[in-house]
C-alpha cells in the first residue's frame, strides 16, 4: 500500500484518540498526523499548505495534488474503497515557517483538504 494512502486510511484511527490526549499533545498530534500535507487555505491562485521546514519544504519544489474519493465496493454489500486521483500540481513559492508554506497552482486544480506530496524523480 502506498505511503499516502496508508496515511489517509490511518487518520481515522487517530480521531478516536484526540479527545483522550491533553491540549499540547492534541495540537502536536493534529498537526503531525492529521494536517500534514493538506491544503489548508485557498486565496485565489495562492495555496497555503501544511508543509514547512520540518518536512523539508523548499521554494521551487513542485508537489502533486492528490484527492481521495470514496467509491462504492466492487460488489453488493462490499465496503466502499478509496480511490486516489492526482488532480494537479503546486509550486512552493515561500516557506512561511516550520509548519506552513505558500504555493501557487501550476496545473490542474486543488481545493481545501486535498493532500500534496513530493514526487520522487
PDB file of N, CA and C in Angstrom:
ATOM      1  N   UNK A   1       0.860  -1.169   0.000  1.00  0.00           N
ATOM      2  CA  UNK A   1       0.000   0.000   0.000  1.00  0.00           C
ATOM      3  C   UNK A   1       0.906   1.231   0.000  1.00  0.00           C
ATOM      4  N   UNK A   2       0.600   2.205  -0.856  1.00  0.00           N
ATOM      5  CA  UNK A   2       1.492   3.356  -0.915  1.00  0.00           C
ATOM      6  C   UNK A   2       1.359   4.192   0.354  1.00  0.00           C
ATOM      7  N   UNK A   3       2.407   4.955   0.639  1.00  0.00           N
ATOM      8  CA  UNK A   3       2.516   5.682   1.904  1.00  0.00           C
ATOM      9  C   UNK A   3       1.393   6.687   2.111  1.00  0.00           C
ATOM     10  N   UNK A   4       1.021   7.428   1.070  1.00  0.00           N
ATOM     11  CA  UNK A   4      -0.024   8.442   1.205  1.00  0.00           C
ATOM     12  C   UNK A   4      -1.369   7.791   1.494  1.00  0.00           C
ATOM     13  N   UNK A   5      -1.671   6.699   0.811  1.00  0.00           N
ATOM     14  CA  UNK A   5      -2.935   6.002   1.047  1.00  0.00           C
ATOM     15  C   UNK A   5      -2.972   5.419   2.452  1.00  0.00           C
ATOM     16  N   UNK A   6      -1.871   4.837   2.890  1.00  0.00           N
ATOM     17  CA  UNK A   6      -1.814   4.276   4.240  1.00  0.00           C
ATOM     18  C   UNK A   6      -2.018   5.367   5.279  1.00  0.00           C
ATOM     19  N   UNK A   7      -1.418   6.541   5.039  1.00  0.00           N
ATOM     20  CA  UNK A   7      -1.585   7.654   5.977  1.00  0.00           C
ATOM     21  C   UNK A   7      -3.034   8.110   6.014  1.00  0.00           C
ATOM     22  N   UNK A   8      -3.650   8.228   4.837  1.00  0.00           N
ATOM     23  CA  UNK A   8      -5.043   8.679   4.776  1.00  0.00           C
ATOM     24  C   UNK A   8      -5.972   7.693   5.483  1.00  0.00           C
ATOM     25  N   UNK A   9      -5.740   6.417   5.312  1.00  0.00           N
ATOM     26  CA  UNK A   9      -6.583   5.414   5.950  1.00  0.00           C
ATOM     27  C   UNK A   9      -6.343   5.350   7.460  1.00  0.00           C
ATOM     28  N   UNK A  10      -5.128   5.602   7.884  1.00  0.00           N
ATOM     29  CA  UNK A  10      -4.803   5.545   9.304  1.00  0.00           C
ATOM     30  C   UNK A  10      -5.281   6.746  10.097  1.00  0.00           C
ATOM     31  N   UNK A  11      -5.602   7.835   9.407  1.00  0.00           N
ATOM     32  CA  UNK A  11      -6.026   9.047  10.103  1.00  0.00           C
ATOM     33  C   UNK A  11      -7.302   8.857  10.904  1.00  0.00           C
ATOM     34  N   UNK A  12      -8.207   8.041  10.402  1.00  0.00           N
ATOM     35  CA  UNK A  12      -9.467   7.854  11.120  1.00  0.00           C
ATOM     36  C   UNK A  12      -9.238   7.249  12.504  1.00  0.00           C
ATOM     37  N   UNK A  13      -8.245   6.416  12.651  1.00  0.00           N
ATOM     38  CA  UNK A  13      -7.934   5.832  13.962  1.00  0.00           C
ATOM     39  C   UNK A  13      -7.467   6.906  14.936  1.00  0.00           C
ATOM     40  N   UNK A  14      -6.759   7.905  14.439  1.00  0.00           N
ATOM     41  CA  UNK A  14      -6.272   8.980  15.308  1.00  0.00           C
ATOM     42  C   UNK A  14      -7.399   9.852  15.831  1.00  0.00           C
ATOM     43  N   UNK A  15      -8.467  10.007  15.061  1.00  0.00           N
ATOM     44  CA  UNK A  15      -9.599  10.814  15.524  1.00  0.00           C
ATOM     45  C   UNK A  15     -10.142  10.271  16.843  1.00  0.00           C
ATOM     46  N   UNK A  16     -10.122   8.981  17.022  1.00  0.00           N
ATOM     47  CA  UNK A  16     -10.629   8.386  18.249  1.00  0.00           C
ATOM     48  C   UNK A  16      -9.739   8.714  19.449  1.00  0.00           C
ATOM     49  N   UNK A  17      -8.451   8.954  19.211  1.00  0.00           N
ATOM     50  CA  UNK A  17      -7.523   9.221  20.306  1.00  0.00           C
ATOM     51  C   UNK A  17      -7.476  10.680  20.733  1.00  0.00           C
ATOM     52  N   UNK A  18      -7.839  11.599  19.877  1.00  0.00           N
ATOM     53  CA  UNK A  18      -7.678  13.022  20.161  1.00  0.00           C
ATOM     54  C   UNK A  18      -8.374  13.468  21.439  1.00  0.00           C
ATOM     55  N   UNK A  19      -9.612  13.072  21.730  1.00  0.00           N
ATOM     56  CA  UNK A  19     -10.235  13.526  22.980  1.00  0.00           C
ATOM     57  C   UNK A  19      -9.493  13.057  24.232  1.00  0.00           C
ATOM     58  N   UNK A  20      -8.743  11.965  24.132  1.00  0.00           N
ATOM     59  CA  UNK A  20      -8.046  11.401  25.274  1.00  0.00           C
ATOM     60  C   UNK A  20      -6.765  12.168  25.587  1.00  0.00           C
ATOM     61  N   UNK A  21      -6.196  12.807  24.583  1.00  0.00           N
ATOM     62  CA  UNK A  21      -4.915  13.485  24.743  1.00  0.00           C
ATOM     63  C   UNK A  21      -5.084  14.861  25.362  1.00  0.00           C
ATOM     64  N   UNK A  22      -4.022  15.364  26.012  1.00  0.00           N
ATOM     65  CA  UNK A  22      -4.031  16.722  26.554  1.00  0.00           C
ATOM     66  C   UNK A  22      -3.944  17.738  25.440  1.00  0.00           C
ATOM     67  N   UNK A  23      -4.168  19.012  25.751  1.00  0.00           N
ATOM     68  CA  UNK A  23      -4.242  20.036  24.713  1.00  0.00           C
ATOM     69  C   UNK A  23      -2.933  20.223  23.955  1.00  0.00           C
ATOM     70  N   UNK A  24      -1.782  20.239  24.626  1.00  0.00           N
ATOM     71  CA  UNK A  24      -0.496  20.393  23.926  1.00  0.00           C
ATOM     72  C   UNK A  24      -0.244  19.187  23.038  1.00  0.00           C
ATOM     73  N   UNK A  25      -0.498  18.012  23.571  1.00  0.00           N
ATOM     74  CA  UNK A  25      -0.317  16.792  22.782  1.00  0.00           C
ATOM     75  C   UNK A  25      -1.298  16.752  21.624  1.00  0.00           C
ATOM     76  N   UNK A  26      -2.508  17.224  21.851  1.00  0.00           N
ATOM     77  CA  UNK A  26      -3.517  17.242  20.797  1.00  0.00           C
ATOM     78  C   UNK A  26      -3.069  18.104  19.633  1.00  0.00           C
ATOM     79  N   UNK A  27      -2.530  19.285  19.935  1.00  0.00           N
ATOM     80  CA  UNK A  27      -2.053  20.178  18.882  1.00  0.00           C
ATOM     81  C   UNK A  27      -0.967  19.516  18.061  1.00  0.00           C
ATOM     82  N   UNK A  28      -0.006  18.896  18.723  1.00  0.00           N
ATOM     83  CA  UNK A  28       1.094  18.240  18.025  1.00  0.00           C
ATOM     84  C   UNK A  28       0.590  17.070  17.183  1.00  0.00           C
ATOM     85  N   UNK A  29      -0.267  16.242  17.748  1.00  0.00           N
ATOM     86  CA  UNK A  29      -0.824  15.106  17.004  1.00  0.00           C
ATOM     87  C   UNK A  29      -1.622  15.605  15.811  1.00  0.00           C
ATOM     88  N   UNK A  30      -2.455  16.620  16.048  1.00  0.00           N
ATOM     89  CA  UNK A  30      -3.279  17.163  14.973  1.00  0.00           C
ATOM     90  C   UNK A  30      -2.410  17.645  13.814  1.00  0.00           C
ATOM     91  N   UNK A  31      -1.359  18.396  14.125  1.00  0.00           N
ATOM     92  CA  UNK A  31      -0.503  18.904  13.053  1.00  0.00           C
ATOM     93  C   UNK A  31       0.311  17.805  12.403  1.00  0.00           C
ATOM     94  N   UNK A  32       0.913  16.951  13.182  1.00  0.00           N
ATOM     95  CA  UNK A  32       1.827  15.953  12.631  1.00  0.00           C
ATOM     96  C   UNK A  32       1.120  14.883  11.808  1.00  0.00           C
ATOM     97  N   UNK A  33      -0.063  14.441  12.258  1.00  0.00           N
ATOM     98  CA  UNK A  33      -0.694  13.304  11.595  1.00  0.00           C
ATOM     99  C   UNK A  33      -1.966  13.627  10.823  1.00  0.00           C
ATOM    100  N   UNK A  34      -2.676  14.661  11.218  1.00  0.00           N
ATOM    101  CA  UNK A  34      -3.932  14.964  10.554  1.00  0.00           C
ATOM    102  C   UNK A  34      -3.722  15.995   9.450  1.00  0.00           C
ATOM    103  N   UNK A  35      -3.103  17.118   9.776  1.00  0.00           N
ATOM    104  CA  UNK A  35      -2.985  18.218   8.825  1.00  0.00           C
ATOM    105  C   UNK A  35      -1.815  18.081   7.862  1.00  0.00           C
ATOM    106  N   UNK A  36      -0.743  17.443   8.244  1.00  0.00           N
ATOM    107  CA  UNK A  36       0.485  17.447   7.446  1.00  0.00           C
ATOM    108  C   UNK A  36       0.206  17.039   5.998  1.00  0.00           C
ATOM    109  N   UNK A  37       0.630  17.895   5.099  1.00  0.00           N
ATOM    110  CA  UNK A  37       0.442  17.621   3.685  1.00  0.00           C
ATOM    111  C   UNK A  37      -0.868  18.127   3.123  1.00  0.00           C
ATOM    112  N   UNK A  38      -1.707  18.752   3.954  1.00  0.00           N
ATOM    113  CA  UNK A  38      -3.007  19.216   3.479  1.00  0.00           C
ATOM    114  C   UNK A  38      -2.937  20.613   2.886  1.00  0.00           C
ATOM    115  N   UNK A  39      -3.854  20.848   1.951  1.00  0.00           N
ATOM    116  CA  UNK A  39      -4.151  22.204   1.512  1.00  0.00           C
ATOM    117  C   UNK A  39      -5.048  22.773   2.599  1.00  0.00           C
ATOM    118  N   UNK A  40      -4.574  23.828   3.293  1.00  0.00           N
ATOM    119  CA  UNK A  40      -5.351  24.359   4.411  1.00  0.00           C
ATOM    120  C   UNK A  40      -6.120  25.623   4.064  1.00  0.00           C
ATOM    121  N   UNK A  41      -5.737  26.282   2.978  1.00  0.00           N
ATOM    122  CA  UNK A  41      -6.440  27.504   2.601  1.00  0.00           C
ATOM    123  C   UNK A  41      -6.165  27.827   1.141  1.00  0.00           C
ATOM    124  N   UNK A  42      -7.149  28.413   0.507  1.00  0.00           N
ATOM    125  CA  UNK A  42      -7.016  28.885  -0.876  1.00  0.00           C
ATOM    126  C   UNK A  42      -7.285  30.386  -0.887  1.00  0.00           C
ATOM    127  N   UNK A  43      -6.415  31.141  -1.557  1.00  0.00           N
ATOM    128  CA  UNK A  43      -6.602  32.580  -1.713  1.00  0.00           C
ATOM    129  C   UNK A  43      -6.354  32.904  -3.183  1.00  0.00           C
ATOM    130  N   UNK A  44      -7.380  32.756  -4.014  1.00  0.00           N
ATOM    131  CA  UNK A  44      -7.195  32.903  -5.462  1.00  0.00           C
ATOM    132  C   UNK A  44      -6.321  31.770  -5.975  1.00  0.00           C
ATOM    133  N   UNK A  45      -5.221  32.122  -6.635  1.00  0.00           N
ATOM    134  CA  UNK A  45      -4.270  31.111  -7.114  1.00  0.00           C
ATOM    135  C   UNK A  45      -3.261  30.728  -6.030  1.00  0.00           C
ATOM    136  N   UNK A  46      -3.229  31.472  -4.915  1.00  0.00           N
ATOM    137  CA  UNK A  46      -2.311  31.158  -3.816  1.00  0.00           C
ATOM    138  C   UNK A  46      -2.902  30.023  -2.982  1.00  0.00           C
ATOM    139  N   UNK A  47      -2.036  29.091  -2.628  1.00  0.00           N
ATOM    140  CA  UNK A  47      -2.443  27.911  -1.875  1.00  0.00           C
ATOM    141  C   UNK A  47      -1.578  27.847  -0.618  1.00  0.00           C
ATOM    142  N   UNK A  48      -2.203  27.739   0.553  1.00  0.00           N
ATOM    143  CA  UNK A  48      -1.455  27.574   1.795  1.00  0.00           C
ATOM    144  C   UNK A  48      -1.440  26.089   2.129  1.00  0.00           C
ATOM    145  N   UNK A  49      -0.233  25.560   2.328  1.00  0.00           N
ATOM    146  CA  UNK A  49      -0.033  24.136   2.564  1.00  0.00           C
ATOM    147  C   UNK A  49       0.472  23.889   3.974  1.00  0.00           C
ATOM    148  N   UNK A  50       0.099  22.782   4.523  1.00  0.00           N
ATOM    149  CA  UNK A  50       0.623  22.368   5.819  1.00  0.00           C
ATOM    150  C   UNK A  50       1.864  21.507   5.584  1.00  0.00           C
ATOM    151  N   UNK A  51       2.866  22.126   5.012  1.00  0.00           N
ATOM    152  CA  UNK A  51       4.215  21.571   4.889  1.00  0.00           C
ATOM    153  C   UNK A  51       5.159  22.741   5.098  1.00  0.00           C
ATOM    154  N   UNK A  52       6.187  22.525   5.867  1.00  0.00           N
ATOM    155  CA  UNK A  52       7.132  23.596   6.146  1.00  0.00           C
ATOM    156  C   UNK A  52       8.535  23.050   6.255  1.00  0.00           C
ATOM    157  N   UNK A  53       9.392  23.809   6.917  1.00  0.00           N
ATOM    158  CA  UNK A  53      10.786  23.386   7.042  1.00  0.00           C
ATOM    159  C   UNK A  53      10.922  22.054   7.764  1.00  0.00           C
ATOM    160  N   UNK A  54      10.000  21.752   8.682  1.00  0.00           N
ATOM    161  CA  UNK A  54      10.053  20.470   9.405  1.00  0.00           C
ATOM    162  C   UNK A  54       9.927  19.278   8.455  1.00  0.00           C
ATOM    163  N   UNK A  55       9.233  19.468   7.338  1.00  0.00           N
ATOM    164  CA  UNK A  55       9.087  18.394   6.341  1.00  0.00           C
ATOM    165  C   UNK A  55      10.081  18.543   5.195  1.00  0.00           C
ATOM    166  N   UNK A  56      10.967  19.537   5.271  1.00  0.00           N
ATOM    167  CA  UNK A  56      11.971  19.736   4.231  1.00  0.00           C
ATOM    168  C   UNK A  56      11.486  20.560   3.053  1.00  0.00           C
ATOM    169  N   UNK A  57      10.422  21.332   3.228  1.00  0.00           N
ATOM    170  CA  UNK A  57       9.888  22.149   2.129  1.00  0.00           C
ATOM    171  C   UNK A  57      10.884  23.236   1.745  1.00  0.00           C
ATOM    172  N   UNK A  58      11.011  23.452   0.428  1.00  0.00           N
ATOM    173  CA  UNK A  58      11.911  24.482  -0.102  1.00  0.00           C
ATOM    174  C   UNK A  58      11.227  25.182  -1.265  1.00  0.00           C
ATOM    175  N   UNK A  59      11.451  26.491  -1.407  1.00  0.00           N
ATOM    176  CA  UNK A  59      10.892  27.202  -2.557  1.00  0.00           C
ATOM    177  C   UNK A  59      11.324  26.537  -3.861  1.00  0.00           C
ATOM    178  N   UNK A  60      10.384  26.467  -4.804  1.00  0.00           N
ATOM    179  CA  UNK A  60      10.668  25.863  -6.102  1.00  0.00           C
ATOM    180  C   UNK A  60      10.245  24.409  -6.220  1.00  0.00           C
ATOM    181  N   UNK A  61      10.041  23.727  -5.092  1.00  0.00           N
ATOM    182  CA  UNK A  61       9.603  22.331  -5.161  1.00  0.00           C
ATOM    183  C   UNK A  61       8.205  22.264  -5.763  1.00  0.00           C
ATOM    184  N   UNK A  62       7.999  21.279  -6.622  1.00  0.00           N
ATOM    185  CA  UNK A  62       6.684  21.048  -7.213  1.00  0.00           C
ATOM    186  C   UNK A  62       6.085  19.820  -6.546  1.00  0.00           C
ATOM    187  N   UNK A  63       4.877  19.997  -6.006  1.00  0.00           N
ATOM    188  CA  UNK A  63       4.188  18.933  -5.286  1.00  0.00           C
ATOM    189  C   UNK A  63       2.941  18.514  -6.054  1.00  0.00           C
ATOM    190  N   UNK A  64       2.689  17.225  -6.092  1.00  0.00           N
ATOM    191  CA  UNK A  64       1.490  16.696  -6.717  1.00  0.00           C
ATOM    192  C   UNK A  64       0.311  16.876  -5.770  1.00  0.00           C
ATOM    193  N   UNK A  65      -0.822  17.335  -6.300  1.00  0.00           N
ATOM    194  CA  UNK A  65      -2.042  17.472  -5.508  1.00  0.00           C
ATOM    195  C   UNK A  65      -2.842  16.189  -5.678  1.00  0.00           C
ATOM    196  N   UNK A  66      -3.193  15.576  -4.546  1.00  0.00           N
ATOM    197  CA  UNK A  66      -3.873  14.284  -4.533  1.00  0.00           C
ATOM    198  C   UNK A  66      -5.221  14.440  -3.838  1.00  0.00           C
ATOM    199  N   UNK A  67      -6.230  13.817  -4.411  1.00  0.00           N
ATOM    200  CA  UNK A  67      -7.564  13.815  -3.797  1.00  0.00           C
ATOM    201  C   UNK A  67      -8.008  12.364  -3.658  1.00  0.00           C
ATOM    202  N   UNK A  68      -8.509  12.017  -2.472  1.00  0.00           N
ATOM    203  CA  UNK A  68      -9.038  10.677  -2.250  1.00  0.00           C
ATOM    204  C   UNK A  68     -10.549  10.749  -2.325  1.00  0.00           C
ATOM    205  N   UNK A  69     -11.114   9.879  -3.138  1.00  0.00           N
ATOM    206  CA  UNK A  69     -12.555   9.853  -3.371  1.00  0.00           C
ATOM    207  C   UNK A  69     -13.069   8.484  -2.962  1.00  0.00           C
ATOM    208  N   UNK A  70     -14.112   8.487  -2.165  1.00  0.00           N
ATOM    209  CA  UNK A  70     -14.719   7.224  -1.736  1.00  0.00           C
ATOM    210  C   UNK A  70     -15.552   6.663  -2.877  1.00  0.00           C
ATOM    211  N   UNK A  71     -15.310   5.403  -3.217  1.00  0.00           N
ATOM    212  CA  UNK A  71     -16.062   4.753  -4.290  1.00  0.00           C
ATOM    213  C   UNK A  71     -16.803   3.550  -3.718  1.00  0.00           C
ATOM    214  N   UNK A  72     -17.934   3.188  -4.327  1.00  0.00           N
ATOM    215  CA  UNK A  72     -18.684   2.022  -3.829  1.00  0.00           C
ATOM    216  C   UNK A  72     -17.851   0.755  -3.952  1.00  0.00           C
ATOM    217  N   UNK A  73     -18.180  -0.229  -3.131  1.00  0.00           N
ATOM    218  CA  UNK A  73     -17.496  -1.516  -3.203  1.00  0.00           C
ATOM    219  C   UNK A  73     -17.720  -2.191  -4.546  1.00  0.00           C
ATOM    220  N   UNK A  74     -16.869  -3.156  -4.865  1.00  0.00           N
ATOM    221  CA  UNK A  74     -16.920  -3.840  -6.154  1.00  0.00           C
ATOM    222  C   UNK A  74     -18.187  -4.671  -6.327  1.00  0.00           C
ATOM    223  N   UNK A  75     -18.741  -5.147  -5.229  1.00  0.00           N
ATOM    224  CA  UNK A  75     -19.964  -5.946  -5.326  1.00  0.00           C
ATOM    225  C   UNK A  75     -20.951  -5.469  -4.260  1.00  0.00           C
ATOM    226  N   UNK A  76     -22.191  -5.909  -4.398  1.00  0.00           N
ATOM    227  CA  UNK A  76     -23.226  -5.507  -3.446  1.00  0.00           C
ATOM    228  C   UNK A  76     -22.834  -5.942  -2.034  1.00  0.00           C
ATOM    229  N   UNK A  77     -22.924  -5.006  -1.095  1.00  0.00           N
ATOM    230  CA  UNK A  77     -22.571  -5.293   0.290  1.00  0.00           C
ATOM    231  C   UNK A  77     -21.095  -5.128   0.597  1.00  0.00           C
ATOM    232  N   UNK A  78     -20.262  -4.917  -0.420  1.00  0.00           N
ATOM    233  CA  UNK A  78     -18.824  -4.735  -0.190  1.00  0.00           C
ATOM    234  C   UNK A  78     -18.571  -3.335   0.367  1.00  0.00           C
ATOM    235  N   UNK A  79     -17.539  -3.211   1.160  1.00  0.00           N
ATOM    236  CA  UNK A  79     -17.185  -1.924   1.747  1.00  0.00           C
ATOM    237  C   UNK A  79     -16.726  -0.948   0.664  1.00  0.00           C
ATOM    238  N   UNK A  80     -17.026   0.352   0.879  1.00  0.00           N
ATOM    239  CA  UNK A  80     -16.507   1.355  -0.047  1.00  0.00           C
ATOM    240  C   UNK A  80     -14.975   1.387   0.030  1.00  0.00           C
ATOM    241  N   UNK A  81     -14.358   1.733  -1.057  1.00  0.00           N
ATOM    242  CA  UNK A  81     -12.900   1.805  -1.091  1.00  0.00           C
ATOM    243  C   UNK A  81     -12.474   3.190  -1.562  1.00  0.00           C
ATOM    244  N   UNK A  82     -11.347   3.685  -1.058  1.00  0.00           N
ATOM    245  CA  UNK A  82     -10.878   4.990  -1.517  1.00  0.00           C
ATOM    246  C   UNK A  82     -10.210   4.866  -2.877  1.00  0.00           C
ATOM    247  N   UNK A  83     -10.380   5.900  -3.686  1.00  0.00           N
ATOM    248  CA  UNK A  83      -9.693   5.982  -4.978  1.00  0.00           C
ATOM    249  C   UNK A  83      -8.821   7.221  -4.931  1.00  0.00           C
ATOM    250  N   UNK A  84      -7.589   7.084  -5.325  1.00  0.00           N
ATOM    251  CA  UNK A  84      -6.634   8.176  -5.330  1.00  0.00           C
ATOM    252  C   UNK A  84      -6.600   8.798  -6.722  1.00  0.00           C
ATOM    253  N   UNK A  85      -6.821  10.125  -6.783  1.00  0.00           N
ATOM    254  CA  UNK A  85      -6.727  10.843  -8.052  1.00  0.00           C
ATOM    255  C   UNK A  85      -5.685  11.939  -7.928  1.00  0.00           C
ATOM    256  N   UNK A  86      -4.722  11.966  -8.839  1.00  0.00           N
ATOM    257  CA  UNK A  86      -3.802  13.100  -8.934  1.00  0.00           C
ATOM    258  C   UNK A  86      -4.555  14.174  -9.707  1.00  0.00           C
ATOM    259  N   UNK A  87      -4.828  15.317  -9.064  1.00  0.00           N
ATOM    260  CA  UNK A  87      -5.691  16.326  -9.678  1.00  0.00           C
ATOM    261  C   UNK A  87      -4.963  17.601 -10.079  1.00  0.00           C
ATOM    262  N   UNK A  88      -3.691  17.729  -9.739  1.00  0.00           N
ATOM    263  CA  UNK A  88      -2.969  18.941 -10.097  1.00  0.00           C
ATOM    264  C   UNK A  88      -1.570  18.954  -9.525  1.00  0.00           C
ATOM    265  N   UNK A  89      -0.950  20.132  -9.589  1.00  0.00           N
ATOM    266  CA  UNK A  89       0.390  20.326  -9.034  1.00  0.00           C
ATOM    267  C   UNK A  89       0.513  21.764  -8.555  1.00  0.00           C
ATOM    268  N   UNK A  90       1.275  21.954  -7.475  1.00  0.00           N
ATOM    269  CA  UNK A  90       1.565  23.287  -6.946  1.00  0.00           C
ATOM    270  C   UNK A  90       3.071  23.446  -6.802  1.00  0.00           C
ATOM    271  N   UNK A  91       3.527  24.691  -6.887  1.00  0.00           N
ATOM    272  CA  UNK A  91       4.941  25.004  -6.693  1.00  0.00           C
ATOM    273  C   UNK A  91       5.069  25.852  -5.434  1.00  0.00           C
ATOM    274  N   UNK A  92       5.963  25.458  -4.536  1.00  0.00           N
ATOM    275  CA  UNK A  92       6.179  26.232  -3.316  1.00  0.00           C
ATOM    276  C   UNK A  92       6.880  27.535  -3.679  1.00  0.00           C
ATOM    277  N   UNK A  93       6.225  28.650  -3.336  1.00  0.00           N
ATOM    278  CA  UNK A  93       6.783  29.977  -3.580  1.00  0.00           C
ATOM    279  C   UNK A  93       7.559  30.484  -2.367  1.00  0.00           C
ATOM    280  N   UNK A  94       7.040  30.174  -1.181  1.00  0.00           N
ATOM    281  CA  UNK A  94       7.630  30.719   0.044  1.00  0.00           C
ATOM    282  C   UNK A  94       7.325  29.770   1.188  1.00  0.00           C
ATOM    283  N   UNK A  95       8.341  29.456   1.962  1.00  0.00           N
ATOM    284  CA  UNK A  95       8.142  28.667   3.172  1.00  0.00           C
ATOM    285  C   UNK A  95       7.884  29.666   4.295  1.00  0.00           C
ATOM    286  N   UNK A  96       6.720  29.551   4.929  1.00  0.00           N
ATOM    287  CA  UNK A  96       6.311  30.507   5.962  1.00  0.00           C
ATOM    288  C   UNK A  96       7.031  30.227   7.274  1.00  0.00           C
ATOM    289  N   UNK A  97       7.043  28.981   7.710  1.00  0.00           N
ATOM    290  CA  UNK A  97       7.722  28.581   8.948  1.00  0.00           C
ATOM    291  C   UNK A  97       7.888  27.066   8.928  1.00  0.00           C
ATOM    292  N   UNK A  98       8.092  26.482  10.100  1.00  0.00           N
ATOM    293  CA  UNK A  98       8.307  25.031  10.150  1.00  0.00           C
ATOM    294  C   UNK A  98       7.054  24.226   9.828  1.00  0.00           C
ATOM    295  N   UNK A  99       5.898  24.883   9.823  1.00  0.00           N
ATOM    296  CA  UNK A  99       4.649  24.155   9.594  1.00  0.00           C
ATOM    297  C   UNK A  99       3.962  24.464   8.260  1.00  0.00           C
ATOM    298  N   UNK A 100       4.173  25.638   7.696  1.00  0.00           N
ATOM    299  CA  UNK A 100       3.367  26.069   6.558  1.00  0.00           C
ATOM    300  C   UNK A 100       4.211  26.642   5.427  1.00  0.00           C
ATOM    301  N   UNK A 101       3.640  26.548   4.214  1.00  0.00           N
ATOM    302  CA  UNK A 101       4.260  27.138   3.028  1.00  0.00           C
ATOM    303  C   UNK A 101       3.165  27.705   2.138  1.00  0.00           C
ATOM    304  N   UNK A 102       3.543  28.706   1.354  1.00  0.00           N
ATOM    305  CA  UNK A 102       2.630  29.280   0.361  1.00  0.00           C
ATOM    306  C   UNK A 102       3.074  28.774  -1.005  1.00  0.00           C
ATOM    307  N   UNK A 103       2.116  28.361  -1.795  1.00  0.00           N
ATOM    308  CA  UNK A 103       2.407  27.795  -3.108  1.00  0.00           C
ATOM    309  C   UNK A 103       1.451  28.388  -4.134  1.00  0.00           C
ATOM    310  N   UNK A 104       1.767  28.183  -5.410  1.00  0.00           N
ATOM    311  CA  UNK A 104       0.855  28.606  -6.472  1.00  0.00           C
ATOM    312  C   UNK A 104       0.524  27.398  -7.339  1.00  0.00           C
ATOM    313  N   UNK A 105      -0.669  27.414  -7.871  1.00  0.00           N
ATOM    314  CA  UNK A 105      -1.155  26.323  -8.709  1.00  0.00           C
ATOM    315  C   UNK A 105      -0.394  26.336 -10.029  1.00  0.00           C
ATOM    316  N   UNK A 106       0.173  25.189 -10.392  1.00  0.00           N
ATOM    317  CA  UNK A 106       0.922  25.059 -11.636  1.00  0.00           C
ATOM    318  C   UNK A 106       0.029  24.498 -12.732  1.00  0.00           C
ATOM    319  N   UNK A 107      -0.724  23.458 -12.375  1.00  0.00           N
ATOM    320  CA  UNK A 107      -1.592  22.802 -13.342  1.00  0.00           C
ATOM    321  C   UNK A 107      -2.723  22.107 -12.588  1.00  0.00           C
ATOM    322  N   UNK A 108      -3.850  21.952 -13.249  1.00  0.00           N
ATOM    323  CA  UNK A 108      -4.963  21.218 -12.666  1.00  0.00           C
ATOM    324  C   UNK A 108      -5.755  22.051 -11.685  1.00  0.00           C
ATOM    325  N   UNK A 109      -6.157  21.406 -10.601  1.00  0.00           N
ATOM    326  CA  UNK A 109      -6.998  22.060  -9.608  1.00  0.00           C
ATOM    327  C   UNK A 109      -6.594  21.608  -8.217  1.00  0.00           C
ATOM    328  N   UNK A 110      -7.046  22.364  -7.242  1.00  0.00           N
ATOM    329  CA  UNK A 110      -6.887  21.974  -5.851  1.00  0.00           C
ATOM    330  C   UNK A 110      -8.001  22.617  -5.051  1.00  0.00           C
ATOM    331  N   UNK A 111      -8.289  22.022  -3.919  1.00  0.00           N
ATOM    332  CA  UNK A 111      -9.255  22.614  -3.004  1.00  0.00           C
ATOM    333  C   UNK A 111      -8.855  22.234  -1.582  1.00  0.00           C
ATOM    334  N   UNK A 112      -9.461  22.942  -0.640  1.00  0.00           N
ATOM    335  CA  UNK A 112      -9.150  22.719   0.763  1.00  0.00           C
ATOM    336  C   UNK A 112      -9.306  21.236   1.103  1.00  0.00           C
ATOM    337  N   UNK A 113      -8.384  20.725   1.888  1.00  0.00           N
ATOM    338  CA  UNK A 113      -8.318  19.341   2.383  1.00  0.00           C
ATOM    339  C   UNK A 113      -7.720  18.352   1.392  1.00  0.00           C
ATOM    340  N   UNK A 114      -7.373  18.777   0.156  1.00  0.00           N
ATOM    341  CA  UNK A 114      -6.595  17.896  -0.707  1.00  0.00           C
ATOM    342  C   UNK A 114      -5.241  17.676  -0.040  1.00  0.00           C
ATOM    343  N   UNK A 115      -4.531  16.633  -0.452  1.00  0.00           N
ATOM    344  CA  UNK A 115      -3.190  16.370   0.052  1.00  0.00           C
ATOM    345  C   UNK A 115      -2.165  16.686  -1.007  1.00  0.00           C
ATOM    346  N   UNK A 116      -0.948  17.021  -0.579  1.00  0.00           N
ATOM    347  CA  UNK A 116       0.146  17.239  -1.508  1.00  0.00           C
ATOM    348  C   UNK A 116       1.295  16.317  -1.150  1.00  0.00           C
ATOM    349  N   UNK A 117       2.054  15.924  -2.164  1.00  0.00           N
ATOM    350  CA  UNK A 117       3.225  15.082  -1.930  1.00  0.00           C
ATOM    351  C   UNK A 117       4.279  15.387  -2.964  1.00  0.00           C
ATOM    352  N   UNK A 118       5.525  15.237  -2.561  1.00  0.00           N
ATOM    353  CA  UNK A 118       6.661  15.445  -3.443  1.00  0.00           C
ATOM    354  C   UNK A 118       6.911  14.149  -4.189  1.00  0.00           C
ATOM    355  N   UNK A 119       6.912  14.228  -5.510  1.00  0.00           N
ATOM    356  CA  UNK A 119       7.160  13.046  -6.327  1.00  0.00           C
ATOM    357  C   UNK A 119       8.660  12.789  -6.378  1.00  0.00           C
ATOM    358  N   UNK A 120       9.050  11.548  -6.188  1.00  0.00           N
ATOM    359  CA  UNK A 120      10.460  11.172  -6.327  1.00  0.00           C
ATOM    360  C   UNK A 120      10.825  11.239  -7.806  1.00  0.00           C
ATOM    361  N   UNK A 121      11.987  11.762  -8.088  1.00  0.00           N
ATOM    362  CA  UNK A 121      12.413  11.871  -9.501  1.00  0.00           C
ATOM    363  C   UNK A 121      13.577  10.974  -9.783  1.00  0.00           C
TER     364      UNK A 121
END
